Amino acid sequence: MKKITLIGFLVVLLWSCSSQMPKDSAIDATKYLKTITAADLKTHLTIVASDEMEGRETGSAGQKKAGKYLINQYQSNAISFPKGATDYYQKVPAAFLNTDSNRNLPDSENIWAYIEGSEKPNEVIVISAHYDHVGVKNGEIYNGADDDGSGTVALLEIAQAFAKAKKEGYKPKRSILFLHVTAEEHGLFGSSYYTENPLFPLTNTVANVNIDMIGRHDELHNDSSNYTYIIGSDFLSTDLHNSCEVANKKYVNLFLDYRYNNKTDPNRFYYRSDHYNFAKNGIPSVFLFTGVHADYHKTTDDMDKIEFDALTKRTQLAFAIVWELANRENRPVVDKN
């Protein structure tokens, strides 16, 4: 009798302790969000957008050098390449890059890294940014610090934050694929190649968060850089849109500007970055962007123009959105065409 009573007591005690442990979805992510810093972003961008990378033209030696830097950062944070892959590269052949016209592009690579989910590992969130730019023209290097050096280094910091959470016992419920795509500047070819040759089935890809040009402000926001454009969040899924809003209100409090969240907008921003290749395959997708500026696709898109405090907050927002998506109870429902 005493033995049974003792066992019963231990069961109740264990249940009580486990019930008080926070669920992943209830964890305050602020601690991990704060590991995303302006200093770290600047350190990464100083290298990614340096003259040494020669403008990161698709398939060039400079782009490959930038790619090796990205891989080194993932390795230093103990973030592996994805399950099912043999290394950090998804090779994108020249034949694919030159399919519809002869751009004379050589073979290139998407770069991927991966954190497996704890509860729903087969459900995957893809966070993407393109790491190519336009290279060297007439002897001048186009460093592309904002386009899209800013998104490239944002992915590194977001991955590091998730790696720290994982190390401390808070793995995301769903898996996260960090995807640096090539050949965006030539027509979104890197993301097109991935969606046509996905490592994980597209049916298991629950959302895409894409980051392209978040390091500056445009002329519509000369009074404040405390904003980001949100594009496409509600085109396929109310849940995705709500997750973006919740993440922002809970952690960052940027002004979310929806002025370009329109498929008929004459700028056609919805169609001009890599999220589109996911969205057209029915995957809920959101594009974080802060607009074009006077240095867009010019040699003057350099690191000294980057607003690192603003870049930090926007990177933290992207992290918070992925955190919400990775840890919500159910995957975002596609409830719109």
C-alpha atoms as a PDB file:
ATOM      1  CA  MET A   1       0.000   0.000   0.000  1.00  0.00           C
ATOM      2  CA  LYS A   2       2.758   2.400   0.898  1.00  0.00           C
ATOM      3  CA  LYS A   3       4.616   1.491  -2.296  1.00  0.00           C
ATOM      4  CA  ILE A   4       1.565   2.226  -4.423  1.00  0.00           C
ATOM      5  CA  THR A   5       1.027   5.520  -2.592  1.00  0.00           C
ATOM      6  CA  LEU A   6       4.645   6.535  -3.178  1.00  0.00           C
ATOM      7  CA  ILE A   7       4.418   5.707  -6.865  1.00  0.00           C
ATOM      8  CA  GLY A   8       1.185   7.657  -7.121  1.00  0.00           C
ATOM      9  CA  PHE A   9       2.822  10.624  -5.418  1.00  0.00           C
ATOM     10  CA  LEU A  10       5.762  10.530  -7.821  1.00  0.00           C
ATOM     11  CA  VAL A  11       3.431  10.371 -10.821  1.00  0.00           C
ATOM     12  CA  VAL A  12       1.516  13.412  -9.582  1.00  0.00           C
ATOM     13  CA  LEU A  13       4.774  15.247  -8.879  1.00  0.00           C
ATOM     14  CA  LEU A  14       6.157  14.519 -12.351  1.00  0.00           C
ATOM     15  CA  TRP A  15       2.896  15.553 -13.964  1.00  0.00           C
ATOM     16  CA  SER A  16       2.880  18.782 -11.978  1.00  0.00           C
ATOM     17  CA  CYS A  17       6.451  19.618 -12.984  1.00  0.00           C
ATOM     18  CA  SER A  18       5.903  18.797 -16.656  1.00  0.00           C
ATOM     19  CA  SER A  19       2.688  20.822 -16.771  1.00  0.00           C
ATOM     20  CA  GLN A  20       4.631  23.862 -15.550  1.00  0.00           C
ATOM     21  CA  MET A  21       7.289  23.546 -18.235  1.00  0.00           C
ATOM     22  CA  PRO A  22       6.723  26.051 -21.063  1.00  0.00           C
ATOM     23  CA  LYS A  23       5.550  24.730 -24.405  1.00  0.00           C
ATOM     24  CA  ASP A  24       7.666  25.823 -27.378  1.00  0.00           C
ATOM     25  CA  SER A  25       4.855  28.013 -28.722  1.00  0.00           C
ATOM     26  CA  ALA A  26       4.628  29.820 -25.363  1.00  0.00           C
ATOM     27  CA  ILE A  27       8.343  30.494 -24.973  1.00  0.00           C
ATOM     28  CA  ASP A  28       9.267  34.159 -25.030  1.00  0.00           C
ATOM     29  CA  ALA A  29      11.729  34.375 -27.915  1.00  0.00           C
ATOM     30  CA  THR A  30      13.102  37.760 -26.819  1.00  0.00           C
ATOM     31  CA  LYS A  31      16.309  36.239 -25.447  1.00  0.00           C
ATOM     32  CA  TYR A  32      17.145  34.690 -28.811  1.00  0.00           C
ATOM     33  CA  LEU A  33      15.903  37.628 -30.823  1.00  0.00           C
ATOM     34  CA  LYS A  34      18.374  39.838 -28.961  1.00  0.00           C
ATOM     35  CA  THR A  35      21.292  37.745 -30.207  1.00  0.00           C
ATOM     36  CA  ILE A  36      20.620  39.410 -33.572  1.00  0.00           C
ATOM     37  CA  THR A  37      22.767  42.531 -33.327  1.00  0.00           C
ATOM     38  CA  ALA A  38      23.865  45.412 -35.501  1.00  0.00           C
ATOM     39  CA  ALA A  39      27.499  44.575 -34.751  1.00  0.00           C
ATOM     40  CA  ASP A  40      27.175  41.014 -36.032  1.00  0.00           C
ATOM     41  CA  LEU A  41      25.246  42.069 -39.113  1.00  0.00           C
ATOM     42  CA  LYS A  42      27.918  44.645 -39.882  1.00  0.00           C
ATOM     43  CA  THR A  43      30.697  42.087 -39.437  1.00  0.00           C
ATOM     44  CA  HIS A  44      29.052  39.734 -41.933  1.00  0.00           C
ATOM     45  CA  LEU A  45      28.124  42.430 -44.437  1.00  0.00           C
ATOM     46  CA  THR A  46      31.628  43.901 -44.373  1.00  0.00           C
ATOM     47  CA  ILE A  47      32.727  40.622 -45.944  1.00  0.00           C
ATOM     48  CA  VAL A  48      29.732  39.666 -48.106  1.00  0.00           C
ATOM     49  CA  ALA A  49      29.530  43.094 -49.754  1.00  0.00           C
ATOM     50  CA  SER A  50      33.269  43.706 -50.039  1.00  0.00           C
ATOM     51  CA  ASP A  51      35.162  44.302 -53.267  1.00  0.00           C
ATOM     52  CA  GLU A  52      36.756  40.892 -52.702  1.00  0.00           C
ATOM     53  CA  MET A  53      33.432  39.264 -53.664  1.00  0.00           C
ATOM     54  CA  GLU A  54      33.459  41.108 -57.013  1.00  0.00           C
ATOM     55  CA  GLY A  55      29.747  41.843 -57.021  1.00  0.00           C
ATOM     56  CA  ARG A  56      28.699  38.185 -56.546  1.00  0.00           C
ATOM     57  CA  GLU A  57      27.649  37.661 -60.163  1.00  0.00           C
ATOM     58  CA  THR A  58      25.909  34.324 -60.667  1.00  0.00           C
ATOM     59  CA  GLY A  59      28.444  31.510 -60.929  1.00  0.00           C
ATOM     60  CA  SER A  60      31.440  33.810 -60.598  1.00  0.00           C
ATOM     61  CA  ALA A  61      34.484  33.227 -58.429  1.00  0.00           C
ATOM     62  CA  GLY A  62      33.325  36.080 -56.213  1.00  0.00           C
ATOM     63  CA  GLN A  63      29.923  34.531 -55.638  1.00  0.00           C
ATOM     64  CA  LYS A  64      31.515  31.181 -54.840  1.00  0.00           C
ATOM     65  CA  LYS A  65      33.805  32.902 -52.347  1.00  0.00           C
ATOM     66  CA  ALA A  66      30.787  34.527 -50.710  1.00  0.00           C
ATOM     67  CA  GLY A  67      29.110  31.135 -50.600  1.00  0.00           C
ATOM     68  CA  LYS A  68      32.065  29.611 -48.773  1.00  0.00           C
ATOM     69  CA  TYR A  69      31.861  32.383 -46.203  1.00  0.00           C
ATOM     70  CA  LEU A  70      28.172  31.592 -45.597  1.00  0.00           C
ATOM     71  CA  ILE A  71      28.928  27.899 -45.180  1.00  0.00           C
ATOM     72  CA  ASN A  72      31.739  28.657 -42.738  1.00  0.00           C
ATOM     73  CA  GLN A  73      29.309  30.630 -40.606  1.00  0.00           C
ATOM     74  CA  TYR A  74      26.801  27.780 -40.528  1.00  0.00           C
ATOM     75  CA  GLN A  75      29.536  25.344 -39.594  1.00  0.00           C
ATOM     76  CA  SER A  76      30.790  27.614 -36.819  1.00  0.00           C
ATOM     77  CA  ASN A  77      27.271  27.619 -35.354  1.00  0.00           C
ATOM     78  CA  ALA A  78      26.947  23.820 -35.670  1.00  0.00           C
ATOM     79  CA  ILE A  79      24.144  24.138 -38.213  1.00  0.00           C
ATOM     80  CA  SER A  80      24.314  21.274 -40.658  1.00  0.00           C
ATOM     81  CA  PHE A  81      23.278  20.970 -44.277  1.00  0.00           C
ATOM     82  CA  PRO A  82      19.808  19.432 -44.676  1.00  0.00           C
ATOM     83  CA  LYS A  83      18.834  15.825 -44.279  1.00  0.00           C
ATOM     84  CA  GLY A  84      18.957  14.120 -47.651  1.00  0.00           C
ATOM     85  CA  ALA A  85      21.713  16.393 -48.973  1.00  0.00           C
ATOM     86  CA  THR A  86      25.392  15.505 -49.199  1.00  0.00           C
ATOM     87  CA  ASP A  87      26.706  19.010 -48.503  1.00  0.00           C
ATOM     88  CA  TYR A  88      25.669  22.653 -48.239  1.00  0.00           C
ATOM     89  CA  TYR A  89      25.245  23.092 -52.013  1.00  0.00           C
ATOM     90  CA  GLN A  90      22.307  22.567 -54.311  1.00  0.00           C
ATOM     91  CA  LYS A  91      23.998  22.708 -57.693  1.00  0.00           C
ATOM     92  CA  VAL A  92      22.129  24.722 -60.308  1.00  0.00           C
ATOM     93  CA  PRO A  93      23.397  23.766 -63.773  1.00  0.00           C
ATOM     94  CA  ALA A  94      24.201  26.273 -66.483  1.00  0.00           C
ATOM     95  CA  ALA A  95      21.713  24.514 -68.768  1.00  0.00           C
ATOM     96  CA  PHE A  96      18.909  25.544 -66.411  1.00  0.00           C
ATOM     97  CA  LEU A  97      20.193  29.095 -65.965  1.00  0.00           C
ATOM     98  CA  ASN A  98      20.376  29.625 -69.734  1.00  0.00           C
ATOM     99  CA  THR A  99      17.172  27.808 -70.662  1.00  0.00           C
ATOM    100  CA  ASP A 100      15.128  30.597 -72.205  1.00  0.00           C
ATOM    101  CA  SER A 101      18.019  32.694 -73.544  1.00  0.00           C
ATOM    102  CA  ASN A 102      21.782  32.466 -73.685  1.00  0.00           C
ATOM    103  CA  ARG A 103      22.958  34.563 -70.762  1.00  0.00           C
ATOM    104  CA  ASN A 104      26.241  32.667 -70.892  1.00  0.00           C
ATOM    105  CA  LEU A 105      25.942  31.898 -67.174  1.00  0.00           C
ATOM    106  CA  PRO A 106      28.119  29.116 -65.745  1.00  0.00           C
ATOM    107  CA  ASP A 107      27.029  26.516 -63.208  1.00  0.00           C
ATOM    108  CA  SER A 108      26.048  28.016 -59.878  1.00  0.00           C
ATOM    109  CA  GLU A 109      24.732  26.901 -56.497  1.00  0.00           C
ATOM    110  CA  ASN A 110      21.997  27.511 -54.008  1.00  0.00           C
ATOM    111  CA  ILE A 111      23.294  27.180 -50.460  1.00  0.00           C
ATOM    112  CA  TRP A 112      21.213  25.546 -47.756  1.00  0.00           C
ATOM    113  CA  ALA A 113      21.402  24.856 -44.042  1.00  0.00           C
ATOM    114  CA  TYR A 114      18.903  23.181 -41.776  1.00  0.00           C
ATOM    115  CA  ILE A 115      17.565  22.819 -38.264  1.00  0.00           C
ATOM    116  CA  GLU A 116      15.292  19.834 -37.809  1.00  0.00           C
ATOM    117  CA  GLY A 117      12.017  20.244 -35.950  1.00  0.00           C
ATOM    118  CA  SER A 118      11.359  18.498 -32.653  1.00  0.00           C
ATOM    119  CA  GLU A 119       7.689  17.555 -33.078  1.00  0.00           C
ATOM    120  CA  LYS A 120       6.831  17.957 -36.747  1.00  0.00           C
ATOM    121  CA  PRO A 121      10.149  17.481 -38.541  1.00  0.00           C
ATOM    122  CA  ASN A 122       8.504  16.681 -41.880  1.00  0.00           C
ATOM    123  CA  GLU A 123       6.852  20.107 -41.985  1.00  0.00           C
ATOM    124  CA  VAL A 124       9.364  22.630 -43.306  1.00  0.00           C
ATOM    125  CA  ILE A 125       9.532  26.413 -43.270  1.00  0.00           C
ATOM    126  CA  VAL A 126      11.842  27.914 -45.883  1.00  0.00           C
ATOM    127  CA  ILE A 127      13.451  31.260 -45.135  1.00  0.00           C
ATOM    128  CA  SER A 128      15.186  32.622 -48.221  1.00  0.00           C
ATOM    129  CA  ALA A 129      17.336  35.426 -49.573  1.00  0.00           C
ATOM    130  CA  HIS A 130      19.350  35.702 -52.764  1.00  0.00           C
ATOM    131  CA  TYR A 131      23.096  36.061 -52.384  1.00  0.00           C
ATOM    132  CA  ASP A 132      23.930  36.942 -55.990  1.00  0.00           C
ATOM    133  CA  HIS A 133      24.221  40.458 -57.377  1.00  0.00           C
ATOM    134  CA  VAL A 134      25.216  41.902 -60.750  1.00  0.00           C
ATOM    135  CA  GLY A 135      29.007  41.579 -60.636  1.00  0.00           C
ATOM    136  CA  VAL A 136      31.478  43.865 -62.369  1.00  0.00           C
ATOM    137  CA  LYS A 137      30.598  46.163 -65.262  1.00  0.00           C
ATOM    138  CA  ASN A 138      33.081  48.302 -67.156  1.00  0.00           C
ATOM    139  CA  GLY A 139      35.652  47.629 -64.466  1.00  0.00           C
ATOM    140  CA  GLU A 140      33.386  48.828 -61.633  1.00  0.00           C
ATOM    141  CA  ILE A 141      32.247  46.524 -58.832  1.00  0.00           C
ATOM    142  CA  TYR A 142      28.595  46.458 -57.869  1.00  0.00           C
ATOM    143  CA  ASN A 143      28.741  45.338 -54.242  1.00  0.00           C
ATOM    144  CA  GLY A 144      24.988  45.033 -53.651  1.00  0.00           C
ATOM    145  CA  ALA A 145      25.169  45.759 -49.927  1.00  0.00           C
ATOM    146  CA  ASP A 146      21.408  46.233 -49.708  1.00  0.00           C
ATOM    147  CA  ASP A 147      20.515  44.106 -52.739  1.00  0.00           C
ATOM    148  CA  ASP A 148      20.689  41.558 -51.278  1.00  0.00           C
ATOM    149  CA  GLY A 149      23.635  41.576 -48.946  1.00  0.00           C
ATOM    150  CA  SER A 150      21.211  42.748 -46.272  1.00  0.00           C
ATOM    151  CA  GLY A 151      18.954  39.704 -46.664  1.00  0.00           C
ATOM    152  CA  THR A 152      21.928  37.374 -46.948  1.00  0.00           C
ATOM    153  CA  VAL A 153      23.423  38.381 -43.613  1.00  0.00           C
ATOM    154  CA  ALA A 154      19.971  38.496 -42.016  1.00  0.00           C
ATOM    155  CA  LEU A 155      19.654  34.750 -42.690  1.00  0.00           C
ATOM    156  CA  LEU A 156      22.972  34.112 -40.960  1.00  0.00           C
ATOM    157  CA  GLU A 157      21.871  35.944 -37.831  1.00  0.00           C
ATOM    158  CA  ILE A 158      18.435  34.304 -37.785  1.00  0.00           C
ATOM    159  CA  ALA A 159      20.022  30.870 -38.098  1.00  0.00           C
ATOM    160  CA  GLN A 160      22.421  31.654 -35.248  1.00  0.00           C
ATOM    161  CA  ALA A 161      19.493  32.683 -33.030  1.00  0.00           C
ATOM    162  CA  PHE A 162      17.665  29.417 -33.719  1.00  0.00           C
ATOM    163  CA  ALA A 163      20.871  27.470 -33.123  1.00  0.00           C
ATOM    164  CA  LYS A 164      21.252  29.076 -29.705  1.00  0.00           C
ATOM    165  CA  ALA A 165      17.645  28.238 -28.836  1.00  0.00           C
ATOM    166  CA  LYS A 166      18.214  24.657 -29.957  1.00  0.00           C
ATOM    167  CA  LYS A 167      21.376  24.389 -27.842  1.00  0.00           C
ATOM    168  CA  GLU A 168      19.389  25.484 -24.798  1.00  0.00           C
ATOM    169  CA  GLY A 169      16.703  22.876 -25.393  1.00  0.00           C
ATOM    170  CA  TYR A 170      14.192  24.840 -27.456  1.00  0.00           C
ATOM    171  CA  LYS A 171      14.244  23.307 -30.895  1.00  0.00           C
ATOM    172  CA  PRO A 172      11.519  24.590 -33.232  1.00  0.00           C
ATOM    173  CA  LYS A 173       8.564  22.241 -33.600  1.00  0.00           C
ATOM    174  CA  ARG A 174       8.870  22.372 -37.372  1.00  0.00           C
ATOM    175  CA  SER A 175      12.032  22.131 -39.436  1.00  0.00           C
ATOM    176  CA  ILE A 176      13.634  25.253 -40.887  1.00  0.00           C
ATOM    177  CA  LEU A 177      15.511  25.393 -44.181  1.00  0.00           C
ATOM    178  CA  PHE A 178      17.797  28.411 -44.578  1.00  0.00           C
ATOM    179  CA  LEU A 179      18.042  28.880 -48.338  1.00  0.00           C
ATOM    180  CA  HIS A 180      20.440  31.297 -50.043  1.00  0.00           C
ATOM    181  CA  VAL A 181      19.418  31.294 -53.688  1.00  0.00           C
ATOM    182  CA  THR A 182      21.421  32.181 -56.749  1.00  0.00           C
ATOM    183  CA  ALA A 183      20.519  33.953 -60.003  1.00  0.00           C
ATOM    184  CA  GLU A 184      17.703  36.107 -58.635  1.00  0.00           C
ATOM    185  CA  GLU A 185      18.988  39.039 -60.630  1.00  0.00           C
ATOM    186  CA  HIS A 186      18.686  37.059 -63.858  1.00  0.00           C
ATOM    187  CA  GLY A 187      15.083  36.015 -63.310  1.00  0.00           C
ATOM    188  CA  LEU A 188      14.573  34.232 -59.962  1.00  0.00           C
ATOM    189  CA  PHE A 189      16.298  31.136 -61.333  1.00  0.00           C
ATOM    190  CA  GLY A 190      17.759  29.817 -58.089  1.00  0.00           C
ATOM    191  CA  SER A 191      14.406  29.699 -56.315  1.00  0.00           C
ATOM    192  CA  SER A 192      12.788  28.382 -59.481  1.00  0.00           C
ATOM    193  CA  TYR A 193      15.306  25.550 -59.542  1.00  0.00           C
ATOM    194  CA  TYR A 194      14.660  24.731 -55.902  1.00  0.00           C
ATOM    195  CA  THR A 195      10.875  24.644 -56.299  1.00  0.00           C
ATOM    196  CA  GLU A 196      11.224  22.436 -59.384  1.00  0.00           C
ATOM    197  CA  ASN A 197      13.769  20.223 -57.597  1.00  0.00           C
ATOM    198  CA  PRO A 198      12.845  20.497 -53.921  1.00  0.00           C
ATOM    199  CA  LEU A 199      14.805  18.626 -51.309  1.00  0.00           C
ATOM    200  CA  PHE A 200      11.618  18.398 -49.238  1.00  0.00           C
ATOM    201  CA  PRO A 201       8.244  17.871 -50.910  1.00  0.00           C
ATOM    202  CA  LEU A 202       6.433  21.120 -51.611  1.00  0.00           C
ATOM    203  CA  THR A 203       3.366  19.598 -49.972  1.00  0.00           C
ATOM    204  CA  ASN A 204       5.387  19.536 -46.739  1.00  0.00           C
ATOM    205  CA  THR A 205       6.634  23.101 -47.164  1.00  0.00           C
ATOM    206  CA  VAL A 206       4.288  25.052 -44.944  1.00  0.00           C
ATOM    207  CA  ALA A 207       5.526  28.608 -45.610  1.00  0.00           C
ATOM    208  CA  ASN A 208       8.229  30.750 -47.182  1.00  0.00           C
ATOM    209  CA  VAL A 209       9.614  33.919 -45.595  1.00  0.00           C
ATOM    210  CA  ASN A 210      11.705  35.792 -48.142  1.00  0.00           C
ATOM    211  CA  ILE A 211      14.008  38.733 -47.413  1.00  0.00           C
ATOM    212  CA  ASP A 212      15.265  41.071 -50.120  1.00  0.00           C
ATOM    213  CA  MET A 213      16.627  44.582 -49.521  1.00  0.00           C
ATOM    214  CA  ILE A 214      15.945  45.450 -45.864  1.00  0.00           C
ATOM    215  CA  GLY A 215      18.977  47.612 -45.103  1.00  0.00           C
ATOM    216  CA  ARG A 216      17.846  51.078 -46.197  1.00  0.00           C
ATOM    217  CA  HIS A 217      14.776  53.311 -46.345  1.00  0.00           C
ATOM    218  CA  ASP A 218      13.073  54.627 -49.467  1.00  0.00           C
ATOM    219  CA  GLU A 219      11.977  58.168 -50.222  1.00  0.00           C
ATOM    220  CA  LEU A 220       8.482  57.475 -48.877  1.00  0.00           C
ATOM    221  CA  HIS A 221       9.974  56.973 -45.409  1.00  0.00           C
ATOM    222  CA  ASN A 222      12.526  59.770 -45.119  1.00  0.00           C
ATOM    223  CA  ASP A 223      11.115  60.647 -41.700  1.00  0.00           C
ATOM    224  CA  SER A 224      11.644  57.201 -40.174  1.00  0.00           C
ATOM    225  CA  SER A 225      13.198  53.846 -40.968  1.00  0.00           C
ATOM    226  CA  ASN A 226      11.034  52.062 -38.399  1.00  0.00           C
ATOM    227  CA  TYR A 227       9.043  50.159 -41.016  1.00  0.00           C
ATOM    228  CA  THR A 228       9.081  47.332 -43.482  1.00  0.00           C
ATOM    229  CA  TYR A 229       6.899  46.514 -46.427  1.00  0.00           C
ATOM    230  CA  ILE A 230       4.918  43.301 -46.100  1.00  0.00           C
ATOM    231  CA  ILE A 231       3.972  41.782 -49.451  1.00  0.00           C
ATOM    232  CA  GLY A 232       1.908  38.680 -50.151  1.00  0.00           C
ATOM    233  CA  SER A 233       1.236  37.616 -46.553  1.00  0.00           C
ATOM    234  CA  ASP A 234      -2.535  37.433 -47.049  1.00  0.00           C
ATOM    235  CA  PHE A 235      -2.659  36.355 -50.693  1.00  0.00           C
ATOM    236  CA  LEU A 236      -2.877  32.639 -49.878  1.00  0.00           C
ATOM    237  CA  SER A 237      -3.281  32.323 -46.127  1.00  0.00           C
ATOM    238  CA  THR A 238      -5.001  34.356 -43.439  1.00  0.00           C
ATOM    239  CA  ASP A 239      -2.986  32.375 -40.892  1.00  0.00           C
ATOM    240  CA  LEU A 240       0.324  33.540 -42.378  1.00  0.00           C
ATOM    241  CA  HIS A 241      -0.836  37.148 -42.351  1.00  0.00           C
ATOM    242  CA  ASN A 242      -1.959  36.863 -38.731  1.00  0.00           C
ATOM    243  CA  SER A 243       1.345  35.236 -37.745  1.00  0.00           C
ATOM    244  CA  CYS A 244       3.241  38.204 -39.194  1.00  0.00           C
ATOM    245  CA  GLU A 245       1.060  40.651 -37.289  1.00  0.00           C
ATOM    246  CA  VAL A 246       1.324  38.707 -34.021  1.00  0.00           C
ATOM    247  CA  ALA A 247       5.101  38.358 -34.295  1.00  0.00           C
ATOM    248  CA  ASN A 248       5.513  42.073 -34.912  1.00  0.00           C
ATOM    249  CA  LYS A 249       3.262  43.169 -32.053  1.00  0.00           C
ATOM    250  CA  LYS A 250       4.785  40.702 -29.607  1.00  0.00           C
ATOM    251  CA  TYR A 251       8.452  41.388 -30.317  1.00  0.00           C
ATOM    252  CA  VAL A 252       9.392  44.259 -32.615  1.00  0.00           C
ATOM    253  CA  ASN A 253       6.673  46.881 -33.237  1.00  0.00           C
ATOM    254  CA  LEU A 254       7.752  48.038 -36.657  1.00  0.00           C
ATOM    255  CA  PHE A 255       5.277  49.863 -38.840  1.00  0.00           C
ATOM    256  CA  LEU A 256       4.098  47.226 -41.321  1.00  0.00           C
ATOM    257  CA  ASP A 257       3.455  49.046 -44.576  1.00  0.00           C
ATOM    258  CA  TYR A 258       1.087  47.224 -46.939  1.00  0.00           C
ATOM    259  CA  ARG A 259       1.051  49.770 -49.757  1.00  0.00           C
ATOM    260  CA  TYR A 260       2.686  47.327 -52.192  1.00  0.00           C
ATOM    261  CA  ASN A 261       0.651  44.342 -51.031  1.00  0.00           C
ATOM    262  CA  ASN A 262      -1.282  44.363 -54.278  1.00  0.00           C
ATOM    263  CA  LYS A 263      -0.935  42.031 -57.243  1.00  0.00           C
ATOM    264  CA  THR A 264      -1.813  44.856 -59.629  1.00  0.00           C
ATOM    265  CA  ASP A 265       0.660  47.378 -58.204  1.00  0.00           C
ATOM    266  CA  PRO A 266       2.556  48.850 -61.179  1.00  0.00           C
ATOM    267  CA  ASN A 267       5.922  48.160 -59.485  1.00  0.00           C
ATOM    268  CA  ARG A 268       5.063  44.441 -59.516  1.00  0.00           C
ATOM    269  CA  PHE A 269       7.174  43.828 -56.412  1.00  0.00           C
ATOM    270  CA  TYR A 270       5.156  40.702 -55.618  1.00  0.00           C
ATOM    271  CA  TYR A 271       6.526  39.094 -58.775  1.00  0.00           C
ATOM    272  CA  ARG A 272      10.101  40.333 -58.481  1.00  0.00           C
ATOM    273  CA  SER A 273      11.694  38.314 -55.696  1.00  0.00           C
ATOM    274  CA  ASP A 274      12.126  34.676 -54.787  1.00  0.00           C
ATOM    275  CA  HIS A 275       9.013  34.201 -52.666  1.00  0.00           C
ATOM    276  CA  TYR A 276       7.022  34.236 -55.899  1.00  0.00           C
ATOM    277  CA  ASN A 277       8.275  30.809 -56.969  1.00  0.00           C
ATOM    278  CA  PHE A 278       6.949  29.379 -53.698  1.00  0.00           C
ATOM    279  CA  ALA A 279       3.678  31.300 -53.834  1.00  0.00           C
ATOM    280  CA  LYS A 280       2.870  30.203 -57.375  1.00  0.00           C
ATOM    281  CA  ASN A 281       3.169  26.625 -56.098  1.00  0.00           C
ATOM    282  CA  GLY A 282       0.507  27.281 -53.476  1.00  0.00           C
ATOM    283  CA  ILE A 283       2.884  27.792 -50.536  1.00  0.00           C
ATOM    284  CA  PRO A 284       1.939  30.660 -48.177  1.00  0.00           C
ATOM    285  CA  SER A 285       4.679  33.232 -48.704  1.00  0.00           C
ATOM    286  CA  VAL A 286       5.605  36.644 -47.385  1.00  0.00           C
ATOM    287  CA  PHE A 287       8.137  39.111 -48.764  1.00  0.00           C
ATOM    288  CA  LEU A 288       9.955  41.498 -46.387  1.00  0.00           C
ATOM    289  CA  PHE A 289      11.310  44.525 -48.257  1.00  0.00           C
ATOM    290  CA  THR A 290      12.005  48.194 -47.582  1.00  0.00           C
ATOM    291  CA  GLY A 291      11.855  49.631 -51.085  1.00  0.00           C
ATOM    292  CA  VAL A 292      14.160  50.871 -53.803  1.00  0.00           C
ATOM    293  CA  HIS A 293      16.452  53.866 -53.411  1.00  0.00           C
ATOM    294  CA  ALA A 294      18.813  56.035 -55.446  1.00  0.00           C
ATOM    295  CA  ASP A 295      21.601  53.434 -55.269  1.00  0.00           C
ATOM    296  CA  TYR A 296      19.526  50.509 -56.534  1.00  0.00           C
ATOM    297  CA  HIS A 297      21.646  48.504 -59.029  1.00  0.00           C
ATOM    298  CA  LYS A 298      24.396  51.100 -58.925  1.00  0.00           C
ATOM    299  CA  THR A 299      28.001  50.933 -57.790  1.00  0.00           C
ATOM    300  CA  THR A 300      27.006  53.111 -54.839  1.00  0.00           C
ATOM    301  CA  ASP A 301      24.952  50.376 -53.152  1.00  0.00           C
ATOM    302  CA  ASP A 302      27.708  50.061 -50.556  1.00  0.00           C
ATOM    303  CA  MET A 303      27.906  49.165 -46.906  1.00  0.00           C
ATOM    304  CA  ASP A 304      28.385  52.738 -45.729  1.00  0.00           C
ATOM    305  CA  LYS A 305      24.767  53.447 -46.755  1.00  0.00           C
ATOM    306  CA  ILE A 306      23.281  50.606 -44.664  1.00  0.00           C
ATOM    307  CA  GLU A 307      21.215  51.620 -41.624  1.00  0.00           C
ATOM    308  CA  PHE A 308      22.274  48.867 -39.248  1.00  0.00           C
ATOM    309  CA  ASP A 309      19.860  49.676 -36.429  1.00  0.00           C
ATOM    310  CA  ALA A 310      16.951  49.416 -38.862  1.00  0.00           C
ATOM    311  CA  LEU A 311      18.417  46.291 -40.469  1.00  0.00           C
ATOM    312  CA  THR A 312      18.625  44.727 -37.014  1.00  0.00           C
ATOM    313  CA  LYS A 313      14.959  45.321 -36.201  1.00  0.00           C
ATOM    314  CA  ARG A 314      13.817  43.990 -39.573  1.00  0.00           C
ATOM    315  CA  THR A 315      15.982  40.899 -39.158  1.00  0.00           C
ATOM    316  CA  GLN A 316      14.501  40.413 -35.699  1.00  0.00           C
ATOM    317  CA  LEU A 317      11.023  40.646 -37.224  1.00  0.00           C
ATOM    318  CA  ALA A 318      11.861  37.960 -39.765  1.00  0.00           C
ATOM    319  CA  PHE A 319      13.170  35.760 -36.945  1.00  0.00           C
ATOM    320  CA  ALA A 320       9.999  36.346 -34.929  1.00  0.00           C
ATOM    321  CA  ILE A 321       7.773  35.453 -37.889  1.00  0.00           C
ATOM    322  CA  VAL A 322       9.649  32.204 -38.471  1.00  0.00           C
ATOM    323  CA  TRP A 323       9.530  31.449 -34.729  1.00  0.00           C
ATOM    324  CA  GLU A 324       5.755  31.885 -34.725  1.00  0.00           C
ATOM    325  CA  LEU A 325       5.311  29.748 -37.832  1.00  0.00           C
ATOM    326  CA  ALA A 326       7.643  27.039 -36.581  1.00  0.00           C
ATOM    327  CA  ASN A 327       5.962  26.707 -33.207  1.00  0.00           C
ATOM    328  CA  ARG A 328       2.255  27.325 -33.863  1.00  0.00           C
ATOM    329  CA  GLU A 329      -0.042  24.390 -33.260  1.00  0.00           C
ATOM    330  CA  ASN A 330      -1.145  23.952 -36.874  1.00  0.00           C
ATOM    331  CA  ARG A 331       0.489  24.781 -40.167  1.00  0.00           C
ATOM    332  CA  PRO A 332      -0.899  27.884 -41.942  1.00  0.00           C
ATOM    333  CA  VAL A 333      -4.079  26.998 -43.790  1.00  0.00           C
ATOM    334  CA  VAL A 334      -4.296  27.920 -47.464  1.00  0.00           C
ATOM    335  CA  ASP A 335      -7.716  29.537 -47.532  1.00  0.00           C
ATOM    336  CA  LYS A 336      -7.395  31.764 -50.598  1.00  0.00           C
ATOM    337  CA  ASN A 337      -6.625  31.276 -54.272  1.00  0.00           C
END
